[in-house]
């Protein structure tokens, strides 16, 4: 599984905040269309996209008991605490 690493340059520049990323999960659990919706910093956005693209299969959505494609949006928080 992929590990999220806080980019060193982002840490040195005290870049904190939330990256909102969306992607499609197909009927087999494969991800596609990874897209950053909102982020203040390119460095942390690139890290989120890298990790999400390396993730294992996800559970697909279901409708009437059948697997269906669906769009998923999630926030990823970067904090220096």
N, C-alpha and C. Protein backbone atom coordinates (compact mmCIF):
# COMPACT_ATOMS: atom_id res chain seq x y z
N UNK A 1 0.83 -1.19 0.00
CA UNK A 1 0.00 0.00 0.00
C UNK A 1 0.88 1.25 0.00
N UNK A 2 0.36 2.32 -0.55
CA UNK A 2 1.10 3.57 -0.67
C UNK A 2 1.07 4.33 0.64
N UNK A 3 2.13 5.03 0.90
CA UNK A 3 2.22 5.84 2.12
C UNK A 3 2.28 7.32 1.74
N UNK A 4 1.50 8.12 2.42
CA UNK A 4 1.48 9.56 2.19
C UNK A 4 2.66 10.19 2.92
N UNK A 5 3.53 10.86 2.20
CA UNK A 5 4.68 11.54 2.79
C UNK A 5 4.50 13.05 2.65
N UNK A 6 4.71 13.74 3.75
CA UNK A 6 4.65 15.20 3.72
C UNK A 6 5.90 15.66 2.99
N UNK A 7 5.80 16.32 1.83
CA UNK A 7 6.99 16.75 1.10
C UNK A 7 7.87 17.66 1.97
N UNK A 8 9.17 17.40 2.00
CA UNK A 8 10.10 18.16 2.83
C UNK A 8 10.01 19.66 2.55
N UNK A 9 9.98 20.02 1.28
CA UNK A 9 9.90 21.44 0.92
C UNK A 9 8.61 22.07 1.46
N UNK A 10 7.52 21.30 1.43
CA UNK A 10 6.25 21.80 1.97
C UNK A 10 6.34 21.99 3.48
N UNK A 11 7.03 21.09 4.16
CA UNK A 11 7.23 21.23 5.60
C UNK A 11 8.07 22.46 5.91
N UNK A 12 9.15 22.63 5.16
CA UNK A 12 10.05 23.78 5.38
C UNK A 12 9.34 25.11 5.16
N UNK A 13 8.37 25.13 4.25
CA UNK A 13 7.64 26.35 3.94
C UNK A 13 6.32 26.44 4.72
N UNK A 14 6.14 25.52 5.68
CA UNK A 14 4.96 25.52 6.54
C UNK A 14 3.65 25.47 5.75
N UNK A 15 3.64 24.65 4.69
CA UNK A 15 2.43 24.50 3.88
C UNK A 15 1.48 23.56 4.59
N UNK A 16 0.34 24.06 5.01
CA UNK A 16 -0.67 23.24 5.66
C UNK A 16 -2.01 23.48 4.97
N UNK A 17 -2.94 22.62 5.22
CA UNK A 17 -4.27 22.79 4.66
C UNK A 17 -4.85 21.48 4.18
N UNK A 18 -5.92 21.60 3.43
CA UNK A 18 -6.65 20.44 2.96
C UNK A 18 -6.61 20.37 1.44
N UNK A 19 -6.33 19.18 0.93
CA UNK A 19 -6.42 18.91 -0.50
C UNK A 19 -7.70 18.11 -0.69
N UNK A 20 -8.57 18.59 -1.56
CA UNK A 20 -9.79 17.85 -1.86
C UNK A 20 -9.59 17.19 -3.21
N UNK A 21 -9.72 15.87 -3.21
CA UNK A 21 -9.47 15.08 -4.41
C UNK A 21 -10.70 14.25 -4.74
N UNK A 22 -10.97 14.07 -6.02
CA UNK A 22 -12.09 13.22 -6.44
C UNK A 22 -11.57 12.20 -7.45
N UNK A 23 -12.30 11.10 -7.55
CA UNK A 23 -11.95 10.07 -8.51
C UNK A 23 -13.14 9.15 -8.72
N UNK A 24 -13.10 8.42 -9.81
CA UNK A 24 -14.15 7.47 -10.14
C UNK A 24 -13.71 6.09 -9.67
N UNK A 25 -14.64 5.35 -9.07
CA UNK A 25 -14.41 3.96 -8.70
C UNK A 25 -15.30 3.12 -9.60
N UNK A 26 -14.67 2.25 -10.42
CA UNK A 26 -15.47 1.46 -11.36
C UNK A 26 -16.06 0.22 -10.69
N UNK A 27 -16.78 -0.58 -11.44
CA UNK A 27 -17.47 -1.74 -10.87
C UNK A 27 -16.52 -2.82 -10.37
N UNK A 28 -15.24 -2.75 -10.77
CA UNK A 28 -14.23 -3.69 -10.28
C UNK A 28 -13.39 -3.11 -9.15
N UNK A 29 -13.68 -1.87 -8.73
CA UNK A 29 -12.94 -1.23 -7.65
C UNK A 29 -11.71 -0.48 -8.10
N UNK A 30 -11.48 -0.39 -9.41
CA UNK A 30 -10.33 0.33 -9.94
C UNK A 30 -10.61 1.83 -9.98
N UNK A 31 -9.59 2.64 -9.66
CA UNK A 31 -9.74 4.10 -9.66
C UNK A 31 -9.34 4.69 -11.01
N UNK A 32 -10.02 5.76 -11.38
CA UNK A 32 -9.66 6.50 -12.59
C UNK A 32 -10.09 7.95 -12.41
N UNK A 33 -9.61 8.81 -13.28
CA UNK A 33 -10.03 10.21 -13.27
C UNK A 33 -9.68 10.94 -11.99
N UNK A 34 -8.50 10.69 -11.44
CA UNK A 34 -8.09 11.35 -10.20
C UNK A 34 -7.89 12.83 -10.48
N UNK A 35 -8.56 13.67 -9.70
CA UNK A 35 -8.56 15.10 -9.96
C UNK A 35 -8.55 15.88 -8.64
N UNK A 36 -7.62 16.81 -8.51
CA UNK A 36 -7.61 17.69 -7.34
C UNK A 36 -8.64 18.79 -7.58
N UNK A 37 -9.59 18.88 -6.68
CA UNK A 37 -10.66 19.87 -6.80
C UNK A 37 -10.25 21.19 -6.17
N UNK A 38 -9.56 21.09 -5.02
CA UNK A 38 -9.19 22.31 -4.30
C UNK A 38 -7.92 22.06 -3.51
N UNK A 39 -6.96 22.96 -3.64
CA UNK A 39 -5.72 22.88 -2.89
C UNK A 39 -4.98 24.21 -3.02
N UNK A 40 -4.30 24.59 -1.96
CA UNK A 40 -3.52 25.83 -1.99
C UNK A 40 -2.13 25.62 -2.55
N UNK A 41 -1.60 24.38 -2.46
CA UNK A 41 -0.21 24.15 -2.81
C UNK A 41 -0.04 22.97 -3.76
N UNK A 42 0.69 23.18 -4.82
CA UNK A 42 0.93 22.15 -5.82
C UNK A 42 1.69 20.96 -5.23
N UNK A 43 2.68 21.21 -4.36
CA UNK A 43 3.49 20.13 -3.81
C UNK A 43 2.66 19.08 -3.07
N UNK A 44 1.77 19.53 -2.21
CA UNK A 44 0.96 18.58 -1.46
C UNK A 44 -0.10 17.94 -2.35
N UNK A 45 -0.59 18.68 -3.32
CA UNK A 45 -1.56 18.12 -4.27
C UNK A 45 -0.95 16.96 -5.04
N UNK A 46 0.28 17.15 -5.50
CA UNK A 46 0.97 16.10 -6.25
C UNK A 46 1.16 14.86 -5.39
N UNK A 47 1.43 15.03 -4.11
CA UNK A 47 1.61 13.89 -3.22
C UNK A 47 0.29 13.13 -3.04
N UNK A 48 -0.80 13.84 -2.90
CA UNK A 48 -2.10 13.19 -2.75
C UNK A 48 -2.44 12.39 -4.02
N UNK A 49 -2.23 12.97 -5.18
CA UNK A 49 -2.51 12.28 -6.44
C UNK A 49 -1.62 11.03 -6.55
N UNK A 50 -0.36 11.15 -6.17
CA UNK A 50 0.56 10.01 -6.24
C UNK A 50 0.05 8.85 -5.38
N UNK A 51 -0.33 9.15 -4.15
CA UNK A 51 -0.76 8.10 -3.23
C UNK A 51 -2.10 7.50 -3.66
N UNK A 52 -3.04 8.33 -4.03
CA UNK A 52 -4.35 7.81 -4.46
C UNK A 52 -4.18 6.93 -5.69
N UNK A 53 -3.34 7.33 -6.64
CA UNK A 53 -3.16 6.54 -7.86
C UNK A 53 -2.50 5.19 -7.57
N UNK A 54 -1.79 5.06 -6.46
CA UNK A 54 -1.12 3.81 -6.10
C UNK A 54 -1.97 2.94 -5.18
N UNK A 55 -3.13 3.40 -4.78
CA UNK A 55 -3.93 2.65 -3.81
C UNK A 55 -4.46 1.35 -4.41
N UNK A 56 -4.74 0.41 -3.53
CA UNK A 56 -5.31 -0.86 -3.95
C UNK A 56 -6.76 -0.64 -4.38
N UNK A 57 -7.38 -1.69 -4.88
CA UNK A 57 -8.77 -1.58 -5.33
C UNK A 57 -9.68 -1.17 -4.17
N UNK A 58 -10.68 -0.40 -4.50
CA UNK A 58 -11.69 0.03 -3.55
C UNK A 58 -12.95 -0.80 -3.76
N UNK A 59 -13.85 -0.78 -2.82
CA UNK A 59 -15.14 -1.45 -2.98
C UNK A 59 -16.02 -0.59 -3.89
N UNK A 60 -16.60 -1.18 -4.92
CA UNK A 60 -17.48 -0.39 -5.79
C UNK A 60 -18.78 -0.06 -5.07
N UNK A 61 -19.47 0.93 -5.61
CA UNK A 61 -20.79 1.24 -5.09
C UNK A 61 -21.77 0.14 -5.49
N UNK A 62 -22.91 0.13 -4.90
CA UNK A 62 -23.93 -0.84 -5.28
C UNK A 62 -25.28 -0.15 -5.45
N UNK A 63 -26.04 -0.67 -6.38
CA UNK A 63 -27.42 -0.22 -6.59
C UNK A 63 -28.24 -1.48 -6.86
N UNK A 64 -29.26 -1.71 -6.09
CA UNK A 64 -30.10 -2.92 -6.20
C UNK A 64 -29.25 -4.18 -6.12
N UNK A 65 -28.19 -4.12 -5.29
CA UNK A 65 -27.34 -5.29 -5.08
C UNK A 65 -26.28 -5.51 -6.16
N UNK A 66 -26.25 -4.67 -7.17
CA UNK A 66 -25.29 -4.80 -8.27
C UNK A 66 -24.20 -3.73 -8.16
N UNK A 67 -22.95 -4.07 -8.50
CA UNK A 67 -21.88 -3.07 -8.45
C UNK A 67 -22.10 -1.99 -9.51
N UNK A 68 -21.82 -0.75 -9.13
CA UNK A 68 -21.96 0.39 -10.05
C UNK A 68 -20.75 1.31 -9.89
N UNK A 69 -20.46 2.06 -10.95
CA UNK A 69 -19.42 3.09 -10.90
C UNK A 69 -19.94 4.25 -10.08
N UNK A 70 -19.02 4.92 -9.38
CA UNK A 70 -19.44 6.14 -8.69
C UNK A 70 -18.25 7.05 -8.45
N UNK A 71 -18.56 8.32 -8.33
CA UNK A 71 -17.56 9.35 -8.07
C UNK A 71 -17.42 9.49 -6.57
N UNK A 72 -16.17 9.56 -6.12
CA UNK A 72 -15.88 9.70 -4.69
C UNK A 72 -15.03 10.95 -4.50
N UNK A 73 -15.34 11.74 -3.51
CA UNK A 73 -14.59 12.94 -3.18
C UNK A 73 -14.16 12.84 -1.73
N UNK A 74 -12.88 13.16 -1.47
CA UNK A 74 -12.41 13.09 -0.09
C UNK A 74 -11.40 14.19 0.20
N UNK A 75 -11.39 14.66 1.45
CA UNK A 75 -10.39 15.63 1.87
C UNK A 75 -9.17 14.91 2.44
N UNK A 76 -7.99 15.47 2.20
CA UNK A 76 -6.75 14.98 2.80
C UNK A 76 -6.11 16.18 3.50
N UNK A 77 -5.96 16.07 4.81
CA UNK A 77 -5.47 17.15 5.65
C UNK A 77 -3.97 17.08 5.81
N UNK A 78 -3.28 18.21 5.63
CA UNK A 78 -1.85 18.33 5.90
C UNK A 78 -1.66 19.31 7.04
N UNK A 79 -1.13 18.82 8.15
CA UNK A 79 -0.90 19.66 9.33
C UNK A 79 0.51 19.40 9.86
N UNK A 80 1.11 20.43 10.42
CA UNK A 80 2.42 20.31 11.06
C UNK A 80 2.23 20.47 12.56
N UNK A 81 1.89 19.40 13.23
CA UNK A 81 1.69 19.45 14.69
C UNK A 81 2.54 18.41 15.37
